[in-house]
Amino acid sequence: MALSIIKKKEHLDIKGMKKILTIKASINRGLSQKIKDYFPDIIPIKKPFNFKSEIVDPYWITGFVDAEGCFYIKPVKRKSKVVRFSLVFSISQHSRDLLLMDHILHYMQCGLIEEPVSRKEIRYVVYKFSDQLNKVIPFFKKYPLLSIKHLDFLDFYKVSSLLKEKDNLKEKDILNIQLIKSNMNKYRK
């Protein structure tokens, strides 16, 4: 819509600029406070809703997770000592995307949607170890990620194999998992 306004050169006057600002106000984080102060009469447009009622292409999920997903390993401590680990797969979005997250949840057939009270965010999260082993991991093995996040998935998978094989982790297993964890996500070099 904004591109159409620009192509028609309508953006060169204040009326056209305000049209673009109404579009900007309705996407992502909206308008900055400074722009709101300059243009207090801008009201976000209602976006047309044309999201399909189901996700039909598994590679769409893969691409979405490449951009927005996270695989992480959560240590569980008792008396300041790590006793076990949980695997967590999650996708975070703005709270207005609840329907999208609901579609992902139904497609993956596992997990839950969390809505933190303190933020305008929702998360699709899979905590259950059996769901990681039987649904999440097989999905991403069949439809592999293409970004650096693929390396996080491989580490996630490696740790799942260690956890699956051992009921009681030995100190060397804990250290190995902590080392793998320390090189994932934002710590990956």
Foldseek 3Di string as FASTA:
>chain_A
DLVVLVVVVVCVDPVSVLVVLLQQQADDPHDDVVVCVVPVPRHHDDDDDDDDQADDDLLVVLVLCLPFKDWAKAFDDDPNHGWDIWIKIKGKDFLVCPSVLVRVCVVQVAFDKDDDPVHRMIMGMHTDLVSCVPGVLVSCVVNPHDDCVSVVSVLSVVLSVVCVVDPGDDPVNVVVNVVSRCCDDPNPD
